[in-house]
Amino acid sequence: ARRQADWVVVSVHCHEFGGPSLLTAGSRAELEEPADFIIDFAHRTIDAGADIVVGHGPHFPLGIEIYNERPIFYSVGNLVFQNETVGFFPADAYERFDLDLKATPSDFLDARTNGGKKGHPAEPAYWENMFAVCEFSENRLSKIKIYPIDQGFGRPRAQRGRPVLAEGEVANRVLERAQKLSARYSTKVVIHDGIGVIENL
């Protein structure tokens, strides 16, 4: 990859978790650490020459590690999360909820989420994510800016899932989560003017 690109970015989608929160979390959205094999994979990927590793499988943010002067985002969450505006679902999706052949995608989604009372629509964590901008100077990582994203928890199905820069309480929750979970990897996230900043790398 290095011969083909100026910067090598590895993207990994993984739903597995690790750490003590596996035993104490009341819901999936309370899990806070990636599985050990993902940490090992990310380290080996950097060791093999990657500049950045970006995870997104849990569908909500996890911590950030600076490993050998390279960033590992164990999960930035979802940038776009519009899986509820799909026009078609396979027949077995409808069968799973005993819906007949005349059922619509809206019927399926209502059945799957109990009218928005369970699953992703009922959990704010899935709708509060982040994206990061990595700044390099002279081929070295110099700064990371973390922007909090609000994807519209509680809004109607057609309006949620699109990324909007978060403000207020949502922004604070996203940035404070990034700060807390990154500290486990000795990564200091400073919150300033509505964004998170990692520098002095």
C-alpha atoms as a PDB file:
ATOM      1  CA  ALA A   1       0.000   0.000   0.000  1.00  0.00           C
ATOM      2  CA  ARG A   2       2.835   2.398   0.788  1.00  0.00           C
ATOM      3  CA  ARG A   3       4.030   2.266  -2.837  1.00  0.00           C
ATOM      4  CA  GLN A   4       0.539   3.212  -4.022  1.00  0.00           C
ATOM      5  CA  ALA A   5      -0.304   6.089  -1.673  1.00  0.00           C
ATOM      6  CA  ASP A   6       1.071   9.063   0.212  1.00  0.00           C
ATOM      7  CA  TRP A   7      -0.856   8.024   3.339  1.00  0.00           C
ATOM      8  CA  VAL A   8      -2.039   4.540   4.253  1.00  0.00           C
ATOM      9  CA  VAL A   9      -5.364   4.475   6.102  1.00  0.00           C
ATOM     10  CA  VAL A  10      -6.775   1.147   7.279  1.00  0.00           C
ATOM     11  CA  SER A  11     -10.513   0.926   7.913  1.00  0.00           C
ATOM     12  CA  VAL A  12     -11.908  -1.858  10.109  1.00  0.00           C
ATOM     13  CA  HIS A  13     -15.534  -2.683  10.887  1.00  0.00           C
ATOM     14  CA  CYS A  14     -15.775  -4.847  14.009  1.00  0.00           C
ATOM     15  CA  HIS A  15     -18.666  -5.317  16.441  1.00  0.00           C
ATOM     16  CA  GLU A  16     -16.739  -7.176  19.154  1.00  0.00           C
ATOM     17  CA  PHE A  17     -15.830  -5.662  22.519  1.00  0.00           C
ATOM     18  CA  GLY A  18     -13.494  -6.453  25.401  1.00  0.00           C
ATOM     19  CA  GLY A  19     -12.546  -5.181  28.833  1.00  0.00           C
ATOM     20  CA  PRO A  20     -14.378  -5.229  32.157  1.00  0.00           C
ATOM     21  CA  SER A  21     -17.451  -3.417  30.823  1.00  0.00           C
ATOM     22  CA  LEU A  22     -18.444  -6.709  29.145  1.00  0.00           C
ATOM     23  CA  LEU A  23     -19.420  -7.927  32.618  1.00  0.00           C
ATOM     24  CA  THR A  24     -21.111  -4.770  33.885  1.00  0.00           C
ATOM     25  CA  ALA A  25     -22.765  -3.036  30.934  1.00  0.00           C
ATOM     26  CA  GLY A  26     -26.533  -2.840  31.055  1.00  0.00           C
ATOM     27  CA  SER A  27     -26.723  -2.403  27.282  1.00  0.00           C
ATOM     28  CA  ARG A  28     -24.452  -2.689  24.266  1.00  0.00           C
ATOM     29  CA  ALA A  29     -24.153   1.106  24.126  1.00  0.00           C
ATOM     30  CA  GLU A  30     -22.437   1.080  27.542  1.00  0.00           C
ATOM     31  CA  LEU A  31     -19.517  -1.032  26.307  1.00  0.00           C
ATOM     32  CA  GLU A  32     -16.311   0.985  26.236  1.00  0.00           C
ATOM     33  CA  GLU A  33     -13.354  -1.070  25.003  1.00  0.00           C
ATOM     34  CA  PRO A  34     -12.518  -2.917  21.805  1.00  0.00           C
ATOM     35  CA  ALA A  35     -11.759  -6.626  21.839  1.00  0.00           C
ATOM     36  CA  ASP A  36      -8.125  -7.529  22.502  1.00  0.00           C
ATOM     37  CA  PHE A  37      -7.714  -8.913  18.991  1.00  0.00           C
ATOM     38  CA  ILE A  38      -8.665  -5.522  17.507  1.00  0.00           C
ATOM     39  CA  ILE A  39      -6.029  -3.769  19.620  1.00  0.00           C
ATOM     40  CA  ASP A  40      -3.470  -6.335  18.453  1.00  0.00           C
ATOM     41  CA  PHE A  41      -4.627  -5.981  14.834  1.00  0.00           C
ATOM     42  CA  ALA A  42      -4.362  -2.173  14.986  1.00  0.00           C
ATOM     43  CA  HIS A  43      -0.866  -2.312  16.498  1.00  0.00           C
ATOM     44  CA  ARG A  44       0.330  -4.817  13.901  1.00  0.00           C
ATOM     45  CA  THR A  45      -1.186  -2.721  11.129  1.00  0.00           C
ATOM     46  CA  ILE A  46       0.751   0.340  12.300  1.00  0.00           C
ATOM     47  CA  ASP A  47       3.894  -1.799  12.692  1.00  0.00           C
ATOM     48  CA  ALA A  48       3.430  -2.923   9.074  1.00  0.00           C
ATOM     49  CA  GLY A  49       3.390   0.691   7.873  1.00  0.00           C
ATOM     50  CA  ALA A  50      -0.139   2.088   8.162  1.00  0.00           C
ATOM     51  CA  ASP A  51      -0.401   5.783   9.029  1.00  0.00           C
ATOM     52  CA  ILE A  52      -3.917   5.698  10.500  1.00  0.00           C
ATOM     53  CA  VAL A  53      -6.297   2.964  11.666  1.00  0.00           C
ATOM     54  CA  VAL A  54      -9.998   3.862  11.759  1.00  0.00           C
ATOM     55  CA  GLY A  55     -12.606   1.611  13.358  1.00  0.00           C
ATOM     56  CA  HIS A  56     -16.361   2.079  13.053  1.00  0.00           C
ATOM     57  CA  GLY A  57     -18.012  -1.265  13.779  1.00  0.00           C
ATOM     58  CA  PRO A  58     -19.574  -0.655  17.191  1.00  0.00           C
ATOM     59  CA  HIS A  59     -21.625   2.183  15.630  1.00  0.00           C
ATOM     60  CA  PHE A  60     -20.645   4.573  18.433  1.00  0.00           C
ATOM     61  CA  PRO A  61     -17.308   6.135  19.482  1.00  0.00           C
ATOM     62  CA  LEU A  62     -14.557   4.386  21.430  1.00  0.00           C
ATOM     63  CA  GLY A  63     -11.135   5.653  22.534  1.00  0.00           C
ATOM     64  CA  ILE A  64      -8.191   6.933  20.536  1.00  0.00           C
ATOM     65  CA  GLU A  65      -4.663   5.606  20.953  1.00  0.00           C
ATOM     66  CA  ILE A  66      -1.457   7.135  19.623  1.00  0.00           C
ATOM     67  CA  TYR A  67       0.750   4.139  18.896  1.00  0.00           C
ATOM     68  CA  ASN A  68       4.259   4.665  17.494  1.00  0.00           C
ATOM     69  CA  GLU A  69       3.257   8.253  16.634  1.00  0.00           C
ATOM     70  CA  ARG A  70       0.266   7.034  14.601  1.00  0.00           C
ATOM     71  CA  PRO A  71      -3.428   7.357  15.541  1.00  0.00           C
ATOM     72  CA  ILE A  72      -5.732   4.427  16.139  1.00  0.00           C
ATOM     73  CA  PHE A  73      -9.398   5.381  16.320  1.00  0.00           C
ATOM     74  CA  TYR A  74     -10.938   2.263  17.841  1.00  0.00           C
ATOM     75  CA  SER A  75     -14.292   3.582  16.660  1.00  0.00           C
ATOM     76  CA  VAL A  76     -15.478   6.917  15.335  1.00  0.00           C
ATOM     77  CA  GLY A  77     -19.036   5.565  15.164  1.00  0.00           C
ATOM     78  CA  ASN A  78     -21.222   6.271  12.157  1.00  0.00           C
ATOM     79  CA  LEU A  79     -20.706   9.213   9.850  1.00  0.00           C
ATOM     80  CA  VAL A  80     -23.936   8.489   7.973  1.00  0.00           C
ATOM     81  CA  PHE A  81     -26.497   6.188   9.597  1.00  0.00           C
ATOM     82  CA  GLN A  82     -29.490   5.954   7.299  1.00  0.00           C
ATOM     83  CA  ASN A  83     -30.271   2.264   7.418  1.00  0.00           C
ATOM     84  CA  GLU A  84     -33.919   3.103   8.111  1.00  0.00           C
ATOM     85  CA  THR A  85     -34.563   4.800   4.771  1.00  0.00           C
ATOM     86  CA  VAL A  86     -33.850   1.724   2.667  1.00  0.00           C
ATOM     87  CA  GLY A  87     -36.398   1.141  -0.079  1.00  0.00           C
ATOM     88  CA  PHE A  88     -36.366  -2.664  -0.015  1.00  0.00           C
ATOM     89  CA  PHE A  89     -35.665  -5.474   2.436  1.00  0.00           C
ATOM     90  CA  PRO A  90     -35.324  -9.187   1.631  1.00  0.00           C
ATOM     91  CA  ALA A  91     -38.360 -11.433   2.061  1.00  0.00           C
ATOM     92  CA  ASP A  92     -36.894 -13.230   5.084  1.00  0.00           C
ATOM     93  CA  ALA A  93     -36.733  -9.916   6.969  1.00  0.00           C
ATOM     94  CA  TYR A  94     -40.516  -9.653   6.730  1.00  0.00           C
ATOM     95  CA  GLU A  95     -41.017 -13.333   7.554  1.00  0.00           C
ATOM     96  CA  ARG A  96     -38.990 -12.956  10.740  1.00  0.00           C
ATOM     97  CA  PHE A  97     -41.684 -10.621  12.078  1.00  0.00           C
ATOM     98  CA  ASP A  98     -44.651 -12.534  10.616  1.00  0.00           C
ATOM     99  CA  LEU A  99     -45.394  -9.770   8.108  1.00  0.00           C
ATOM    100  CA  ASP A 100     -47.231 -10.682   4.916  1.00  0.00           C
ATOM    101  CA  LEU A 101     -46.183 -10.018   1.323  1.00  0.00           C
ATOM    102  CA  LYS A 102     -47.985  -6.662   1.243  1.00  0.00           C
ATOM    103  CA  ALA A 103     -45.893  -5.262   4.107  1.00  0.00           C
ATOM    104  CA  THR A 104     -43.798  -2.186   3.387  1.00  0.00           C
ATOM    105  CA  PRO A 105     -40.277  -1.292   4.577  1.00  0.00           C
ATOM    106  CA  SER A 106     -41.932   0.993   7.157  1.00  0.00           C
ATOM    107  CA  ASP A 107     -43.972  -1.954   8.467  1.00  0.00           C
ATOM    108  CA  PHE A 108     -40.788  -4.008   8.831  1.00  0.00           C
ATOM    109  CA  LEU A 109     -38.897  -1.203  10.588  1.00  0.00           C
ATOM    110  CA  ASP A 110     -41.775  -0.564  12.987  1.00  0.00           C
ATOM    111  CA  ALA A 111     -41.944  -4.273  13.831  1.00  0.00           C
ATOM    112  CA  ARG A 112     -38.173  -4.602  14.256  1.00  0.00           C
ATOM    113  CA  THR A 113     -37.930  -1.627  16.627  1.00  0.00           C
ATOM    114  CA  ASN A 114     -41.328  -1.954  18.334  1.00  0.00           C
ATOM    115  CA  GLY A 115     -42.290   1.425  16.944  1.00  0.00           C
ATOM    116  CA  GLY A 116     -38.906   2.973  17.796  1.00  0.00           C
ATOM    117  CA  LYS A 117     -38.865   1.711  21.393  1.00  0.00           C
ATOM    118  CA  LYS A 118     -35.989  -0.786  21.037  1.00  0.00           C
ATOM    119  CA  GLY A 119     -32.765  -1.167  19.090  1.00  0.00           C
ATOM    120  CA  HIS A 120     -30.892   1.732  17.509  1.00  0.00           C
ATOM    121  CA  PRO A 121     -33.815   4.197  17.468  1.00  0.00           C
ATOM    122  CA  ALA A 122     -34.187   3.879  21.260  1.00  0.00           C
ATOM    123  CA  GLU A 123     -30.518   4.396  22.185  1.00  0.00           C
ATOM    124  CA  PRO A 124     -28.941   7.894  21.970  1.00  0.00           C
ATOM    125  CA  ALA A 125     -25.364   6.543  21.801  1.00  0.00           C
ATOM    126  CA  TYR A 126     -25.854   5.333  18.227  1.00  0.00           C
ATOM    127  CA  TRP A 127     -26.748   8.851  17.072  1.00  0.00           C
ATOM    128  CA  GLU A 128     -23.876  10.733  18.762  1.00  0.00           C
ATOM    129  CA  ASN A 129     -20.636  10.151  16.885  1.00  0.00           C
ATOM    130  CA  MET A 130     -17.460  11.914  15.794  1.00  0.00           C
ATOM    131  CA  PHE A 131     -15.131  12.456  12.908  1.00  0.00           C
ATOM    132  CA  ALA A 132     -11.474  13.320  13.085  1.00  0.00           C
ATOM    133  CA  VAL A 133      -9.151  15.479  11.040  1.00  0.00           C
ATOM    134  CA  CYS A 134      -5.493  14.448  11.212  1.00  0.00           C
ATOM    135  CA  GLU A 135      -2.925  17.127  10.479  1.00  0.00           C
ATOM    136  CA  PHE A 136       0.532  16.101   9.338  1.00  0.00           C
ATOM    137  CA  SER A 137       3.648  18.247   9.166  1.00  0.00           C
ATOM    138  CA  GLU A 138       6.817  17.039   7.466  1.00  0.00           C
ATOM    139  CA  ASN A 139       5.423  13.492   7.252  1.00  0.00           C
ATOM    140  CA  ARG A 140       4.617  13.401  10.969  1.00  0.00           C
ATOM    141  CA  LEU A 141       1.297  13.561  12.747  1.00  0.00           C
ATOM    142  CA  SER A 142       1.131  16.946  14.451  1.00  0.00           C
ATOM    143  CA  LYS A 143      -2.485  17.387  15.572  1.00  0.00           C
ATOM    144  CA  ILE A 144      -5.863  15.673  15.600  1.00  0.00           C
ATOM    145  CA  LYS A 145      -9.135  17.584  15.731  1.00  0.00           C
ATOM    146  CA  ILE A 146     -12.230  15.687  16.834  1.00  0.00           C
ATOM    147  CA  TYR A 147     -15.590  17.036  15.714  1.00  0.00           C
ATOM    148  CA  PRO A 148     -18.736  15.826  17.493  1.00  0.00           C
ATOM    149  CA  ILE A 149     -21.604  14.693  15.274  1.00  0.00           C
ATOM    150  CA  ASP A 150     -25.331  14.762  16.045  1.00  0.00           C
ATOM    151  CA  GLN A 151     -27.394  12.435  13.865  1.00  0.00           C
ATOM    152  CA  GLY A 152     -30.801  13.282  15.233  1.00  0.00           C
ATOM    153  CA  PHE A 153     -31.753  10.889  18.019  1.00  0.00           C
ATOM    154  CA  GLY A 154     -35.490  11.141  18.585  1.00  0.00           C
ATOM    155  CA  ARG A 155     -36.246  12.750  15.234  1.00  0.00           C
ATOM    156  CA  PRO A 156     -38.533  11.130  12.653  1.00  0.00           C
ATOM    157  CA  ARG A 157     -37.028   8.294  10.634  1.00  0.00           C
ATOM    158  CA  ALA A 158     -36.562  10.397   7.476  1.00  0.00           C
ATOM    159  CA  GLN A 159     -34.633  13.091   9.376  1.00  0.00           C
ATOM    160  CA  ARG A 160     -32.194  11.078  11.456  1.00  0.00           C
ATOM    161  CA  GLY A 161     -28.904   9.579  10.409  1.00  0.00           C
ATOM    162  CA  ARG A 162     -27.469  12.577   8.557  1.00  0.00           C
ATOM    163  CA  PRO A 163     -24.328  14.061  10.123  1.00  0.00           C
ATOM    164  CA  VAL A 164     -24.628  17.557  11.590  1.00  0.00           C
ATOM    165  CA  LEU A 165     -22.003  19.194  13.781  1.00  0.00           C
ATOM    166  CA  ALA A 166     -23.194  18.690  17.342  1.00  0.00           C
ATOM    167  CA  GLU A 167     -23.721  21.541  19.763  1.00  0.00           C
ATOM    168  CA  GLY A 168     -24.534  21.910  23.439  1.00  0.00           C
ATOM    169  CA  GLU A 169     -25.144  18.797  25.509  1.00  0.00           C
ATOM    170  CA  VAL A 170     -24.708  16.384  22.605  1.00  0.00           C
ATOM    171  CA  ALA A 171     -21.320  17.890  21.708  1.00  0.00           C
ATOM    172  CA  ASN A 172     -20.237  17.731  25.331  1.00  0.00           C
ATOM    173  CA  ARG A 173     -21.259  14.072  25.677  1.00  0.00           C
ATOM    174  CA  VAL A 174     -19.397  13.050  22.517  1.00  0.00           C
ATOM    175  CA  LEU A 175     -16.220  14.929  23.416  1.00  0.00           C
ATOM    176  CA  GLU A 176     -16.230  13.897  27.071  1.00  0.00           C
ATOM    177  CA  ARG A 177     -16.657  10.258  26.021  1.00  0.00           C
ATOM    178  CA  ALA A 178     -13.702  10.584  23.625  1.00  0.00           C
ATOM    179  CA  GLN A 179     -11.682  12.227  26.395  1.00  0.00           C
ATOM    180  CA  LYS A 180     -12.529   9.548  28.977  1.00  0.00           C
ATOM    181  CA  LEU A 181     -12.026   6.521  26.726  1.00  0.00           C
ATOM    182  CA  SER A 182      -8.818   7.862  25.144  1.00  0.00           C
ATOM    183  CA  ALA A 183      -7.248   8.453  28.566  1.00  0.00           C
ATOM    184  CA  ARG A 184      -7.070   4.649  28.928  1.00  0.00           C
ATOM    185  CA  TYR A 185      -4.415   4.733  26.206  1.00  0.00           C
ATOM    186  CA  SER A 186      -2.631   7.745  27.737  1.00  0.00           C
ATOM    187  CA  THR A 187      -4.053   9.939  24.980  1.00  0.00           C
ATOM    188  CA  LYS A 188      -4.981  13.413  26.175  1.00  0.00           C
ATOM    189  CA  VAL A 189      -7.997  15.000  24.475  1.00  0.00           C
ATOM    190  CA  VAL A 190      -8.376  18.705  25.258  1.00  0.00           C
ATOM    191  CA  ILE A 191     -11.861  20.134  24.692  1.00  0.00           C
ATOM    192  CA  HIS A 192     -11.774  23.660  23.291  1.00  0.00           C
ATOM    193  CA  ASP A 193     -14.471  25.672  21.486  1.00  0.00           C
ATOM    194  CA  GLY A 194     -16.685  22.667  20.810  1.00  0.00           C
ATOM    195  CA  ILE A 195     -14.015  20.348  19.400  1.00  0.00           C
ATOM    196  CA  GLY A 196     -11.531  17.905  20.863  1.00  0.00           C
ATOM    197  CA  VAL A 197      -7.844  18.417  20.190  1.00  0.00           C
ATOM    198  CA  ILE A 198      -4.933  15.997  20.528  1.00  0.00           C
ATOM    199  CA  GLU A 199      -1.533  17.601  20.023  1.00  0.00           C
ATOM    200  CA  ASN A 200       2.085  17.466  21.192  1.00  0.00           C
ATOM    201  CA  LEU A 201       2.367  14.086  19.490  1.00  0.00           C
END
